[in-house]
Amino acid sequence: MSITALIPLLSPLIDKLISHIPDPQGREKARAEAEATLLTLLGEQQQGQVEINKAEATSAHLFVAGWRPFIGWVCGVALLYTYIVAPFWAWWLTIYHPDRPLPVLPADNLYELVLAMLGLGGLRTFEKLRGVTR
């Protein structure tokens, strides 16, 4: 489990522990130190992931270096079909072949998959916890 996934679980616990500090200045100092520690841990985890990504990218083996581009192309083709090809195909079939049904591909989780592949899920949670969201 990554530190990004633990932040939503740790924040209420840290707040509860810090709330028992009677001195307001000490409480704010403890809160700042806890946030700094979480940010440091998050940075270390991200740096570790960067090193893993570099090692995978420089690998000569297709199954090590090729999986990320493959998943990227699969997600790109799925987005292309779902949002460009299928609507135009449905329109064309409705006009010229109204008796033929359009094949339906499951695209319910397509955005979740693409966002997860782009790494945007955890960062949004971290922004919400930091109060950066609008």
Foldseek 3Di string as FASTA:
>chain_A
DALLVCVVVVVVVQLVVLVPDPDPVVSVVSVVVVVVVSVVSNVVVVVVVVVQLVVQCPDPDCVRNVPLVVLVVVLVVVCCCVPPVQVVVVVVCVVPPVPDDDDDDDCPCSVVSVCVSVVNPSVVVVCVVVVVDD
